[in-house]
Amino acid sequence: MINFHENQDSIESLALSEYAVFSSKSKGRKVYEEKSELRTEFQRDRDRILHSKSFRRLKHKTQVFISPEGDHFRTRLTHTLEVSQIGRTIARALGLNEDLVEAIALGHDLGHTPFGHTGEMVLNKLHPKGFKHYEQSIRVVEIIESTPNRRGLNLTYEVLNGIANHTGNCKANTLEGKLIKLADRIAYINHDIDDSIRAGIISSNDLPQELTRILGNSHAMRIDTMIKDIVHNSYGKNFVEMSDEIGNATERLRKYLFETVYFNNYVKSEDEKIEAILVQLFEFYMEDLTRIPEAHRKIYDGLNPLDEDIVCDYIAGMTDIFMIDTWKNIFEPKQWR
């Protein structure tokens, strides 16, 4: 009989850097499971995330632009796929574990709310303990994506750690996790510029010339510059980082987006309406938890969550479309429909 695990281990021992996480050396899962006959532990995690309902719903969740006209604007799903592609490219060049990188990438934004960071901001104000999308991503994979036979997806330690530490000042414990933080930034900086140009908020000529001279004057060139810089700066080393020059230029380009795009009146024009809808839904469900479908409430059997946890979990899992339809069904007079 073929020993597929020995084959995988042999491939990894030949292909991966000494600084990579080897599948056979994973710290494992909170609940023990027999190993798969064909797949490594990180391949199993990737597949569980890919087949989850939360992953499918990302296709109808806002990235930056709300209900954009046209099919070419990014959604949370296409952002996730771009992060995965960028992450795998860097991982392969550096000899890191591509399967681990892909699993973290596919799971990193599962906790995002409908209507992007606006939804996150509103739930953060409504929940007494606050709400952060990266913490919610962990709730998704540990609690919400449950089956009758298993609570959560029971992912490996390394994937959970990468998801929980993909943003802000958080630092993952693996190079693969640190890589995703960079891949996430590369993806959203560049595709948000692309979408902003498409939306007419900025033009390519508006981008600071001192930065385009360093990073490139096209979408593809900037991504290529950032990826290659990470690879050349990090190859054979126990870190994954950009060089000072490219890193500083990238951060300045990110700040430019905050100044010109993310707080632009057009981008923020629907924020008040979205907040009002979210607040109404939150209060509606807090008044009576039985208004939430029983299938969702059964997730918490054996747990002791706050009512706010249950309501925020339910609302955060909604897509943009489902949230609006739900609000209309509850609050809009029937004769208006």
C-alpha atoms as a PDB file:
ATOM      1  CA  MET A   1       0.000   0.000   0.000  1.00  0.00           C
ATOM      2  CA  ILE A   2       1.247   3.470  -0.865  1.00  0.00           C
ATOM      3  CA  ASN A   3       2.107   5.618   2.152  1.00  0.00           C
ATOM      4  CA  PHE A   4       0.947   9.032   0.959  1.00  0.00           C
ATOM      5  CA  HIS A   5       2.036  10.781   4.136  1.00  0.00           C
ATOM      6  CA  GLU A   6       5.602   9.617   3.692  1.00  0.00           C
ATOM      7  CA  ASN A   7       5.464  10.900   0.116  1.00  0.00           C
ATOM      8  CA  GLN A   8       4.229  14.298   1.288  1.00  0.00           C
ATOM      9  CA  ASP A   9       6.854  14.459   4.011  1.00  0.00           C
ATOM     10  CA  SER A  10       9.561  13.633   1.471  1.00  0.00           C
ATOM     11  CA  ILE A  11       8.351  16.345  -0.883  1.00  0.00           C
ATOM     12  CA  GLU A  12       8.288  18.914   1.914  1.00  0.00           C
ATOM     13  CA  SER A  13      11.751  17.926   3.162  1.00  0.00           C
ATOM     14  CA  LEU A  14      13.127  18.563  -0.328  1.00  0.00           C
ATOM     15  CA  ALA A  15      11.124  21.666  -1.207  1.00  0.00           C
ATOM     16  CA  LEU A  16      10.699  23.652   1.985  1.00  0.00           C
ATOM     17  CA  SER A  17      13.028  26.021   3.781  1.00  0.00           C
ATOM     18  CA  GLU A  18      14.320  25.172   7.235  1.00  0.00           C
ATOM     19  CA  TYR A  19      12.169  28.067   8.461  1.00  0.00           C
ATOM     20  CA  ALA A  20       8.918  26.692   7.029  1.00  0.00           C
ATOM     21  CA  VAL A  21       6.274  24.864   9.043  1.00  0.00           C
ATOM     22  CA  PHE A  22       6.331  21.219   8.022  1.00  0.00           C
ATOM     23  CA  SER A  23       2.917  19.573   7.931  1.00  0.00           C
ATOM     24  CA  SER A  24       4.137  16.630   9.986  1.00  0.00           C
ATOM     25  CA  LYS A  25       5.261  19.025  12.748  1.00  0.00           C
ATOM     26  CA  SER A  26       1.988  20.905  13.157  1.00  0.00           C
ATOM     27  CA  LYS A  27       1.002  21.549  16.760  1.00  0.00           C
ATOM     28  CA  GLY A  28      -2.260  19.865  15.858  1.00  0.00           C
ATOM     29  CA  ARG A  29      -5.944  20.439  16.584  1.00  0.00           C
ATOM     30  CA  LYS A  30      -7.806  21.127  19.802  1.00  0.00           C
ATOM     31  CA  VAL A  31      -9.792  17.938  19.253  1.00  0.00           C
ATOM     32  CA  TYR A  32      -7.744  15.004  18.033  1.00  0.00           C
ATOM     33  CA  GLU A  33      -8.598  13.520  14.649  1.00  0.00           C
ATOM     34  CA  GLU A  34      -7.144  10.627  12.717  1.00  0.00           C
ATOM     35  CA  LYS A  35      -4.958  11.873   9.895  1.00  0.00           C
ATOM     36  CA  SER A  36      -6.269  11.900   6.352  1.00  0.00           C
ATOM     37  CA  GLU A  37      -5.067   9.151   4.049  1.00  0.00           C
ATOM     38  CA  LEU A  38      -4.308  11.544   1.176  1.00  0.00           C
ATOM     39  CA  ARG A  39      -4.035  15.090   2.509  1.00  0.00           C
ATOM     40  CA  THR A  40      -1.726  16.882   4.910  1.00  0.00           C
ATOM     41  CA  GLU A  41      -3.186  18.635   7.931  1.00  0.00           C
ATOM     42  CA  PHE A  42      -2.979  22.050   6.253  1.00  0.00           C
ATOM     43  CA  GLN A  43      -4.571  20.756   3.052  1.00  0.00           C
ATOM     44  CA  ARG A  44      -7.491  19.497   5.139  1.00  0.00           C
ATOM     45  CA  ASP A  45      -7.833  22.925   6.772  1.00  0.00           C
ATOM     46  CA  ARG A  46      -7.813  24.638   3.397  1.00  0.00           C
ATOM     47  CA  ASP A  47     -10.547  22.317   2.127  1.00  0.00           C
ATOM     48  CA  ARG A  48     -12.720  22.767   5.213  1.00  0.00           C
ATOM     49  CA  ILE A  49     -12.587  26.533   4.811  1.00  0.00           C
ATOM     50  CA  LEU A  50     -13.188  26.368   1.073  1.00  0.00           C
ATOM     51  CA  HIS A  51     -16.300  24.222   1.528  1.00  0.00           C
ATOM     52  CA  SER A  52     -17.745  26.315   4.365  1.00  0.00           C
ATOM     53  CA  LYS A  53     -20.901  28.405   4.052  1.00  0.00           C
ATOM     54  CA  SER A  54     -19.091  31.429   5.412  1.00  0.00           C
ATOM     55  CA  PHE A  55     -16.580  31.273   2.577  1.00  0.00           C
ATOM     56  CA  ARG A  56     -19.315  31.131  -0.058  1.00  0.00           C
ATOM     57  CA  ARG A  57     -21.040  34.162   1.432  1.00  0.00           C
ATOM     58  CA  LEU A  58     -17.953  36.325   0.887  1.00  0.00           C
ATOM     59  CA  LYS A  59     -18.975  36.734  -2.760  1.00  0.00           C
ATOM     60  CA  HIS A  60     -21.816  39.029  -1.669  1.00  0.00           C
ATOM     61  CA  LYS A  61     -19.951  41.063   0.949  1.00  0.00           C
ATOM     62  CA  THR A  62     -18.575  44.541   0.275  1.00  0.00           C
ATOM     63  CA  GLN A  63     -14.849  45.100  -0.032  1.00  0.00           C
ATOM     64  CA  VAL A  64     -14.850  48.916  -0.347  1.00  0.00           C
ATOM     65  CA  PHE A  65     -17.519  49.950  -2.827  1.00  0.00           C
ATOM     66  CA  ILE A  66     -21.125  49.303  -1.812  1.00  0.00           C
ATOM     67  CA  SER A  67     -23.458  47.911  -4.503  1.00  0.00           C
ATOM     68  CA  PRO A  68     -21.196  49.099  -7.313  1.00  0.00           C
ATOM     69  CA  GLU A  69     -22.498  49.371 -10.847  1.00  0.00           C
ATOM     70  CA  GLY A  70     -20.632  46.853 -12.964  1.00  0.00           C
ATOM     71  CA  ASP A  71     -19.179  43.438 -12.320  1.00  0.00           C
ATOM     72  CA  HIS A  72     -15.503  44.349 -12.113  1.00  0.00           C
ATOM     73  CA  PHE A  73     -15.333  45.739  -8.582  1.00  0.00           C
ATOM     74  CA  ARG A  74     -13.841  43.537  -5.893  1.00  0.00           C
ATOM     75  CA  THR A  75     -15.909  41.744  -3.298  1.00  0.00           C
ATOM     76  CA  ARG A  76     -14.630  40.196  -0.098  1.00  0.00           C
ATOM     77  CA  LEU A  77     -14.333  36.887  -1.949  1.00  0.00           C
ATOM     78  CA  THR A  78     -12.233  38.178  -4.842  1.00  0.00           C
ATOM     79  CA  HIS A  79     -10.033  40.003  -2.331  1.00  0.00           C
ATOM     80  CA  THR A  80      -9.533  36.715  -0.480  1.00  0.00           C
ATOM     81  CA  LEU A  81      -8.558  34.926  -3.686  1.00  0.00           C
ATOM     82  CA  GLU A  82      -6.066  37.653  -4.576  1.00  0.00           C
ATOM     83  CA  VAL A  83      -4.496  37.395  -1.110  1.00  0.00           C
ATOM     84  CA  SER A  84      -4.221  33.629  -1.595  1.00  0.00           C
ATOM     85  CA  GLN A  85      -2.556  33.988  -4.997  1.00  0.00           C
ATOM     86  CA  ILE A  86      -0.059  36.592  -3.782  1.00  0.00           C
ATOM     87  CA  GLY A  87       0.673  34.566  -0.666  1.00  0.00           C
ATOM     88  CA  ARG A  88       1.292  31.361  -2.587  1.00  0.00           C
ATOM     89  CA  THR A  89       3.627  33.098  -5.026  1.00  0.00           C
ATOM     90  CA  ILE A  90       5.769  34.424  -2.189  1.00  0.00           C
ATOM     91  CA  ALA A  91       5.616  31.149  -0.240  1.00  0.00           C
ATOM     92  CA  ARG A  92       6.777  29.111  -3.196  1.00  0.00           C
ATOM     93  CA  ALA A  93       9.700  31.450  -3.871  1.00  0.00           C
ATOM     94  CA  LEU A  94      10.777  31.413  -0.215  1.00  0.00           C
ATOM     95  CA  GLY A  95      10.259  27.691   0.309  1.00  0.00           C
ATOM     96  CA  LEU A  96       7.470  28.164   2.844  1.00  0.00           C
ATOM     97  CA  ASN A  97       4.446  25.905   3.217  1.00  0.00           C
ATOM     98  CA  GLU A  98       2.022  26.874   0.453  1.00  0.00           C
ATOM     99  CA  ASP A  99      -0.836  24.809   1.871  1.00  0.00           C
ATOM    100  CA  LEU A 100      -0.587  26.584   5.221  1.00  0.00           C
ATOM    101  CA  VAL A 101      -0.420  29.962   3.486  1.00  0.00           C
ATOM    102  CA  GLU A 102      -3.457  29.151   1.365  1.00  0.00           C
ATOM    103  CA  ALA A 103      -5.501  27.958   4.341  1.00  0.00           C
ATOM    104  CA  ILE A 104      -4.767  31.140   6.303  1.00  0.00           C
ATOM    105  CA  ALA A 105      -5.509  33.310   3.258  1.00  0.00           C
ATOM    106  CA  LEU A 106      -8.858  31.664   2.545  1.00  0.00           C
ATOM    107  CA  GLY A 107      -9.920  31.954   6.183  1.00  0.00           C
ATOM    108  CA  HIS A 108      -8.543  35.345   7.148  1.00  0.00           C
ATOM    109  CA  ASP A 109     -11.662  37.405   6.329  1.00  0.00           C
ATOM    110  CA  LEU A 110     -14.449  34.934   7.127  1.00  0.00           C
ATOM    111  CA  GLY A 111     -15.506  37.166  10.026  1.00  0.00           C
ATOM    112  CA  HIS A 112     -16.094  40.267   7.951  1.00  0.00           C
ATOM    113  CA  THR A 113     -19.515  41.842   8.254  1.00  0.00           C
ATOM    114  CA  PRO A 114     -21.874  42.893   5.494  1.00  0.00           C
ATOM    115  CA  PHE A 115     -20.885  46.290   4.076  1.00  0.00           C
ATOM    116  CA  GLY A 116     -17.215  45.958   4.909  1.00  0.00           C
ATOM    117  CA  HIS A 117     -15.523  48.023   7.576  1.00  0.00           C
ATOM    118  CA  THR A 118     -18.639  50.166   8.040  1.00  0.00           C
ATOM    119  CA  GLY A 119     -20.512  47.117   9.310  1.00  0.00           C
ATOM    120  CA  GLU A 120     -17.572  46.215  11.526  1.00  0.00           C
ATOM    121  CA  MET A 121     -17.492  49.735  12.984  1.00  0.00           C
ATOM    122  CA  VAL A 122     -21.204  49.629  13.832  1.00  0.00           C
ATOM    123  CA  LEU A 123     -21.088  46.212  15.506  1.00  0.00           C
ATOM    124  CA  ASN A 124     -17.996  47.328  17.409  1.00  0.00           C
ATOM    125  CA  LYS A 125     -20.095  50.129  18.916  1.00  0.00           C
ATOM    126  CA  LEU A 126     -23.099  47.907  19.615  1.00  0.00           C
ATOM    127  CA  HIS A 127     -21.348  44.971  21.297  1.00  0.00           C
ATOM    128  CA  PRO A 128     -20.255  45.753  24.880  1.00  0.00           C
ATOM    129  CA  LYS A 129     -17.045  43.778  24.350  1.00  0.00           C
ATOM    130  CA  GLY A 130     -16.396  45.296  20.931  1.00  0.00           C
ATOM    131  CA  PHE A 131     -16.194  43.603  17.556  1.00  0.00           C
ATOM    132  CA  LYS A 132     -13.121  42.970  15.396  1.00  0.00           C
ATOM    133  CA  HIS A 133     -13.362  41.077  12.124  1.00  0.00           C
ATOM    134  CA  TYR A 134     -10.190  39.044  12.744  1.00  0.00           C
ATOM    135  CA  GLU A 135     -11.535  37.895  16.121  1.00  0.00           C
ATOM    136  CA  GLN A 136     -14.840  37.113  14.438  1.00  0.00           C
ATOM    137  CA  SER A 137     -13.028  35.004  11.841  1.00  0.00           C
ATOM    138  CA  ILE A 138     -11.854  32.805  14.704  1.00  0.00           C
ATOM    139  CA  ARG A 139     -15.409  32.583  16.068  1.00  0.00           C
ATOM    140  CA  VAL A 140     -16.559  31.510  12.608  1.00  0.00           C
ATOM    141  CA  VAL A 141     -14.107  28.616  12.344  1.00  0.00           C
ATOM    142  CA  GLU A 142     -14.316  27.580  16.010  1.00  0.00           C
ATOM    143  CA  ILE A 143     -18.052  27.966  16.723  1.00  0.00           C
ATOM    144  CA  ILE A 144     -20.296  29.090  13.893  1.00  0.00           C
ATOM    145  CA  GLU A 145     -19.249  26.637  11.170  1.00  0.00           C
ATOM    146  CA  SER A 146     -20.451  23.661  13.189  1.00  0.00           C
ATOM    147  CA  THR A 147     -22.002  20.368  12.130  1.00  0.00           C
ATOM    148  CA  PRO A 148     -23.990  17.828  14.194  1.00  0.00           C
ATOM    149  CA  ASN A 149     -20.755  15.888  14.643  1.00  0.00           C
ATOM    150  CA  ARG A 150     -18.246  18.676  15.162  1.00  0.00           C
ATOM    151  CA  ARG A 151     -18.146  22.127  16.758  1.00  0.00           C
ATOM    152  CA  GLY A 152     -16.385  24.465  14.379  1.00  0.00           C
ATOM    153  CA  LEU A 153     -13.914  23.359  11.744  1.00  0.00           C
ATOM    154  CA  ASN A 154     -11.347  22.122  14.293  1.00  0.00           C
ATOM    155  CA  LEU A 155      -8.466  23.735  12.405  1.00  0.00           C
ATOM    156  CA  THR A 156      -4.800  23.348  13.259  1.00  0.00           C
ATOM    157  CA  TYR A 157      -3.041  25.718  15.628  1.00  0.00           C
ATOM    158  CA  GLU A 158      -0.950  27.265  12.845  1.00  0.00           C
ATOM    159  CA  VAL A 159      -3.949  28.177  10.686  1.00  0.00           C
ATOM    160  CA  LEU A 160      -5.851  29.637  13.640  1.00  0.00           C
ATOM    161  CA  ASN A 161      -2.822  31.660  14.691  1.00  0.00           C
ATOM    162  CA  GLY A 162      -2.367  33.031  11.174  1.00  0.00           C
ATOM    163  CA  ILE A 163      -6.025  34.045  10.869  1.00  0.00           C
ATOM    164  CA  ALA A 164      -6.050  35.718  14.284  1.00  0.00           C
ATOM    165  CA  ASN A 165      -2.889  37.730  13.576  1.00  0.00           C
ATOM    166  CA  HIS A 166      -3.269  38.849   9.973  1.00  0.00           C
ATOM    167  CA  THR A 167      -3.832  42.552  10.618  1.00  0.00           C
ATOM    168  CA  GLY A 168      -2.918  45.539  12.762  1.00  0.00           C
ATOM    169  CA  ASN A 169      -0.127  45.170  15.292  1.00  0.00           C
ATOM    170  CA  CYS A 170      -0.725  41.432  15.675  1.00  0.00           C
ATOM    171  CA  LYS A 171       2.168  39.118  14.864  1.00  0.00           C
ATOM    172  CA  ALA A 172       1.731  35.500  13.820  1.00  0.00           C
ATOM    173  CA  ASN A 173       4.027  32.818  15.208  1.00  0.00           C
ATOM    174  CA  THR A 174       4.925  31.387  11.790  1.00  0.00           C
ATOM    175  CA  LEU A 175       6.522  32.908   8.709  1.00  0.00           C
ATOM    176  CA  GLU A 176       3.508  31.702   6.751  1.00  0.00           C
ATOM    177  CA  GLY A 177       1.237  33.737   9.023  1.00  0.00           C
ATOM    178  CA  LYS A 178       3.487  36.792   8.796  1.00  0.00           C
ATOM    179  CA  LEU A 179       3.472  36.417   5.016  1.00  0.00           C
ATOM    180  CA  ILE A 180      -0.338  36.634   4.843  1.00  0.00           C
ATOM    181  CA  LYS A 181      -0.287  39.971   6.642  1.00  0.00           C
ATOM    182  CA  LEU A 182       1.898  41.335   3.833  1.00  0.00           C
ATOM    183  CA  ALA A 183      -0.094  39.591   1.084  1.00  0.00           C
ATOM    184  CA  ASP A 184      -3.314  41.070   2.485  1.00  0.00           C
ATOM    185  CA  ARG A 185      -1.831  44.569   2.377  1.00  0.00           C
ATOM    186  CA  ILE A 186      -0.413  44.147  -1.114  1.00  0.00           C
ATOM    187  CA  ALA A 187      -3.770  42.904  -2.370  1.00  0.00           C
ATOM    188  CA  TYR A 188      -6.024  45.574  -0.905  1.00  0.00           C
ATOM    189  CA  ILE A 189      -3.734  48.529  -1.598  1.00  0.00           C
ATOM    190  CA  ASN A 190      -3.479  47.639  -5.258  1.00  0.00           C
ATOM    191  CA  HIS A 191      -6.997  46.449  -5.972  1.00  0.00           C
ATOM    192  CA  ASP A 192      -8.489  49.386  -4.073  1.00  0.00           C
ATOM    193  CA  ILE A 193      -6.488  51.744  -6.294  1.00  0.00           C
ATOM    194  CA  ASP A 194      -7.739  49.840  -9.338  1.00  0.00           C
ATOM    195  CA  ASP A 195     -11.364  49.991  -8.161  1.00  0.00           C
ATOM    196  CA  SER A 196     -11.066  53.663  -7.194  1.00  0.00           C
ATOM    197  CA  ILE A 197      -9.846  54.536 -10.674  1.00  0.00           C
ATOM    198  CA  ARG A 198     -12.715  52.514 -12.171  1.00  0.00           C
ATOM    199  CA  ALA A 199     -15.173  54.381  -9.927  1.00  0.00           C
ATOM    200  CA  GLY A 200     -13.777  57.753 -10.999  1.00  0.00           C
ATOM    201  CA  ILE A 201     -12.669  58.758  -7.497  1.00  0.00           C
ATOM    202  CA  ILE A 202      -9.046  59.113  -8.571  1.00  0.00           C
ATOM    203  CA  SER A 203      -7.123  58.736 -11.814  1.00  0.00           C
ATOM    204  CA  SER A 204      -3.815  56.981 -12.343  1.00  0.00           C
ATOM    205  CA  ASN A 205      -2.230  60.433 -12.743  1.00  0.00           C
ATOM    206  CA  ASP A 206      -3.356  61.374  -9.227  1.00  0.00           C
ATOM    207  CA  LEU A 207      -1.119  58.769  -7.592  1.00  0.00           C
ATOM    208  CA  PRO A 208       1.956  60.396  -5.993  1.00  0.00           C
ATOM    209  CA  GLN A 209       4.681  60.300  -8.645  1.00  0.00           C
ATOM    210  CA  GLU A 210       7.453  59.814  -6.093  1.00  0.00           C
ATOM    211  CA  LEU A 211       5.749  56.539  -5.140  1.00  0.00           C
ATOM    212  CA  THR A 212       4.935  55.309  -8.646  1.00  0.00           C
ATOM    213  CA  ARG A 213       8.577  55.886  -9.602  1.00  0.00           C
ATOM    214  CA  ILE A 214       9.559  53.442  -6.859  1.00  0.00           C
ATOM    215  CA  LEU A 215       6.682  50.950  -7.020  1.00  0.00           C
ATOM    216  CA  GLY A 216       5.571  51.155 -10.652  1.00  0.00           C
ATOM    217  CA  ASN A 217       3.009  53.087 -12.669  1.00  0.00           C
ATOM    218  CA  SER A 218       0.562  50.240 -13.247  1.00  0.00           C
ATOM    219  CA  HIS A 219      -1.426  47.772 -11.134  1.00  0.00           C
ATOM    220  CA  ALA A 220       0.640  44.799 -12.303  1.00  0.00           C
ATOM    221  CA  MET A 221       3.979  46.565 -11.896  1.00  0.00           C
ATOM    222  CA  ARG A 222       3.270  47.592  -8.318  1.00  0.00           C
ATOM    223  CA  ILE A 223       2.252  44.094  -7.273  1.00  0.00           C
ATOM    224  CA  ASP A 224       5.304  42.669  -9.028  1.00  0.00           C
ATOM    225  CA  THR A 225       7.612  45.152  -7.294  1.00  0.00           C
ATOM    226  CA  MET A 226       6.210  44.417  -3.839  1.00  0.00           C
ATOM    227  CA  ILE A 227       6.284  40.636  -4.244  1.00  0.00           C
ATOM    228  CA  LYS A 228       9.804  40.534  -5.662  1.00  0.00           C
ATOM    229  CA  ASP A 229      11.059  42.858  -2.941  1.00  0.00           C
ATOM    230  CA  ILE A 230       9.748  40.559  -0.206  1.00  0.00           C
ATOM    231  CA  VAL A 231      11.325  37.541  -1.868  1.00  0.00           C
ATOM    232  CA  HIS A 232      14.733  39.146  -2.433  1.00  0.00           C
ATOM    233  CA  ASN A 233      14.771  40.734   1.019  1.00  0.00           C
ATOM    234  CA  SER A 234      13.683  37.585   2.880  1.00  0.00           C
ATOM    235  CA  TYR A 235      15.179  34.663   0.941  1.00  0.00           C
ATOM    236  CA  GLY A 236      17.032  32.228   3.198  1.00  0.00           C
ATOM    237  CA  LYS A 237      16.238  34.275   6.308  1.00  0.00           C
ATOM    238  CA  ASN A 238      14.074  33.734   9.338  1.00  0.00           C
ATOM    239  CA  PHE A 239      11.757  36.645   8.543  1.00  0.00           C
ATOM    240  CA  VAL A 240       9.381  37.806   5.820  1.00  0.00           C
ATOM    241  CA  GLU A 241       9.636  41.543   5.274  1.00  0.00           C
ATOM    242  CA  MET A 242       9.869  44.231   2.627  1.00  0.00           C
ATOM    243  CA  SER A 243      13.026  46.285   2.294  1.00  0.00           C
ATOM    244  CA  ASP A 244      12.976  49.698   3.941  1.00  0.00           C
ATOM    245  CA  GLU A 245      12.611  51.520   0.615  1.00  0.00           C
ATOM    246  CA  ILE A 246       9.703  49.449  -0.736  1.00  0.00           C
ATOM    247  CA  GLY A 247       8.106  49.061   2.678  1.00  0.00           C
ATOM    248  CA  ASN A 248       8.101  52.819   3.288  1.00  0.00           C
ATOM    249  CA  ALA A 249       6.739  53.528  -0.206  1.00  0.00           C
ATOM    250  CA  THR A 250       4.008  50.922   0.288  1.00  0.00           C
ATOM    251  CA  GLU A 251       2.988  52.412   3.626  1.00  0.00           C
ATOM    252  CA  ARG A 252       2.862  55.904   2.109  1.00  0.00           C
ATOM    253  CA  LEU A 253       0.661  54.598  -0.700  1.00  0.00           C
ATOM    254  CA  ARG A 254      -1.619  53.032   1.909  1.00  0.00           C
ATOM    255  CA  LYS A 255      -1.874  56.371   3.738  1.00  0.00           C
ATOM    256  CA  TYR A 256      -2.705  58.038   0.426  1.00  0.00           C
ATOM    257  CA  LEU A 257      -5.675  55.656   0.063  1.00  0.00           C
ATOM    258  CA  PHE A 258      -6.957  56.555   3.523  1.00  0.00           C
ATOM    259  CA  GLU A 259      -6.688  60.242   2.720  1.00  0.00           C
ATOM    260  CA  THR A 260      -8.286  60.140  -0.733  1.00  0.00           C
ATOM    261  CA  VAL A 261     -10.437  56.991  -0.999  1.00  0.00           C
ATOM    262  CA  TYR A 262     -11.521  55.297   2.213  1.00  0.00           C
ATOM    263  CA  PHE A 263     -12.978  58.487   3.697  1.00  0.00           C
ATOM    264  CA  ASN A 264     -14.137  59.883   0.369  1.00  0.00           C
ATOM    265  CA  ASN A 265     -17.690  61.251   0.401  1.00  0.00           C
ATOM    266  CA  TYR A 266     -18.729  58.891  -2.399  1.00  0.00           C
ATOM    267  CA  VAL A 267     -17.391  55.814  -0.598  1.00  0.00           C
ATOM    268  CA  LYS A 268     -18.920  56.890   2.722  1.00  0.00           C
ATOM    269  CA  SER A 269     -22.178  58.213   1.256  1.00  0.00           C
ATOM    270  CA  GLU A 270     -24.269  55.248   2.428  1.00  0.00           C
ATOM    271  CA  ASP A 271     -22.727  54.903   5.881  1.00  0.00           C
ATOM    272  CA  GLU A 272     -25.559  56.572   7.786  1.00  0.00           C
ATOM    273  CA  LYS A 273     -28.166  54.360   6.110  1.00  0.00           C
ATOM    274  CA  ILE A 274     -26.121  51.218   6.747  1.00  0.00           C
ATOM    275  CA  GLU A 275     -25.628  52.137  10.397  1.00  0.00           C
ATOM    276  CA  ALA A 276     -29.340  52.806  10.864  1.00  0.00           C
ATOM    277  CA  ILE A 277     -30.236  49.441   9.330  1.00  0.00           C
ATOM    278  CA  LEU A 278     -27.681  47.555  11.416  1.00  0.00           C
ATOM    279  CA  VAL A 279     -28.791  49.247  14.626  1.00  0.00           C
ATOM    280  CA  GLN A 280     -32.446  48.466  13.918  1.00  0.00           C
ATOM    281  CA  LEU A 281     -31.693  44.815  13.186  1.00  0.00           C
ATOM    282  CA  PHE A 282     -29.484  44.508  16.261  1.00  0.00           C
ATOM    283  CA  GLU A 283     -32.180  45.941  18.538  1.00  0.00           C
ATOM    284  CA  PHE A 284     -34.873  43.828  16.871  1.00  0.00           C
ATOM    285  CA  TYR A 285     -33.031  40.574  17.555  1.00  0.00           C
ATOM    286  CA  MET A 286     -31.898  41.619  21.041  1.00  0.00           C
ATOM    287  CA  GLU A 287     -35.538  42.131  22.024  1.00  0.00           C
ATOM    288  CA  ASP A 288     -36.294  38.476  21.246  1.00  0.00           C
ATOM    289  CA  LEU A 289     -33.607  35.955  20.339  1.00  0.00           C
ATOM    290  CA  THR A 290     -36.236  33.547  19.011  1.00  0.00           C
ATOM    291  CA  ARG A 291     -36.527  35.864  16.011  1.00  0.00           C
ATOM    292  CA  ILE A 292     -33.173  34.422  14.951  1.00  0.00           C
ATOM    293  CA  PRO A 293     -33.561  31.119  13.049  1.00  0.00           C
ATOM    294  CA  GLU A 294     -33.436  28.060  15.264  1.00  0.00           C
ATOM    295  CA  ALA A 295     -30.642  26.517  13.190  1.00  0.00           C
ATOM    296  CA  HIS A 296     -28.382  29.421  14.167  1.00  0.00           C
ATOM    297  CA  ARG A 297     -29.413  29.365  17.849  1.00  0.00           C
ATOM    298  CA  LYS A 298     -28.685  25.626  18.089  1.00  0.00           C
ATOM    299  CA  ILE A 299     -25.029  26.357  17.356  1.00  0.00           C
ATOM    300  CA  TYR A 300     -24.685  27.531  20.961  1.00  0.00           C
ATOM    301  CA  ASP A 301     -26.027  24.381  22.634  1.00  0.00           C
ATOM    302  CA  GLY A 302     -23.703  23.626  25.527  1.00  0.00           C
ATOM    303  CA  LEU A 303     -22.144  27.092  25.444  1.00  0.00           C
ATOM    304  CA  ASN A 304     -22.963  30.171  27.499  1.00  0.00           C
ATOM    305  CA  PRO A 305     -22.697  33.122  25.106  1.00  0.00           C
ATOM    306  CA  LEU A 306     -23.920  36.651  25.694  1.00  0.00           C
ATOM    307  CA  ASP A 307     -27.080  37.565  23.834  1.00  0.00           C
ATOM    308  CA  GLU A 308     -24.946  40.152  22.010  1.00  0.00           C
ATOM    309  CA  ASP A 309     -22.639  37.353  20.838  1.00  0.00           C
ATOM    310  CA  ILE A 310     -25.520  35.470  19.242  1.00  0.00           C
ATOM    311  CA  VAL A 311     -26.960  38.568  17.581  1.00  0.00           C
ATOM    312  CA  CYS A 312     -23.603  39.847  16.323  1.00  0.00           C
ATOM    313  CA  ASP A 313     -22.685  36.410  14.992  1.00  0.00           C
ATOM    314  CA  TYR A 314     -25.958  36.248  13.085  1.00  0.00           C
ATOM    315  CA  ILE A 315     -25.750  39.762  11.638  1.00  0.00           C
ATOM    316  CA  ALA A 316     -22.043  39.515  10.834  1.00  0.00           C
ATOM    317  CA  GLY A 317     -22.709  36.358   8.840  1.00  0.00           C
ATOM    318  CA  MET A 318     -25.216  38.097   6.585  1.00  0.00           C
ATOM    319  CA  THR A 319     -24.357  39.161   3.064  1.00  0.00           C
ATOM    320  CA  ASP A 320     -25.102  42.710   1.935  1.00  0.00           C
ATOM    321  CA  ILE A 321     -28.096  41.485  -0.066  1.00  0.00           C
ATOM    322  CA  PHE A 322     -29.510  39.297   2.708  1.00  0.00           C
ATOM    323  CA  MET A 323     -29.183  42.054   5.284  1.00  0.00           C
ATOM    324  CA  ILE A 324     -31.125  44.550   3.162  1.00  0.00           C
ATOM    325  CA  ASP A 325     -33.786  41.985   2.287  1.00  0.00           C
ATOM    326  CA  THR A 326     -34.130  41.002   5.946  1.00  0.00           C
ATOM    327  CA  TRP A 327     -34.520  44.616   7.003  1.00  0.00           C
ATOM    328  CA  LYS A 328     -37.155  45.220   4.324  1.00  0.00           C
ATOM    329  CA  ASN A 329     -39.128  42.152   5.353  1.00  0.00           C
ATOM    330  CA  ILE A 330     -39.185  43.305   8.961  1.00  0.00           C
ATOM    331  CA  PHE A 331     -39.531  47.069   8.740  1.00  0.00           C
ATOM    332  CA  GLU A 332     -40.767  48.055   5.294  1.00  0.00           C
ATOM    333  CA  PRO A 333     -44.566  48.334   4.934  1.00  0.00           C
ATOM    334  CA  LYS A 334     -45.837  45.532   2.727  1.00  0.00           C
ATOM    335  CA  GLN A 335     -47.718  47.913   0.440  1.00  0.00           C
ATOM    336  CA  TRP A 336     -44.391  49.549  -0.511  1.00  0.00           C
ATOM    337  CA  ARG A 337     -42.962  46.328  -1.917  1.00  0.00           C
END
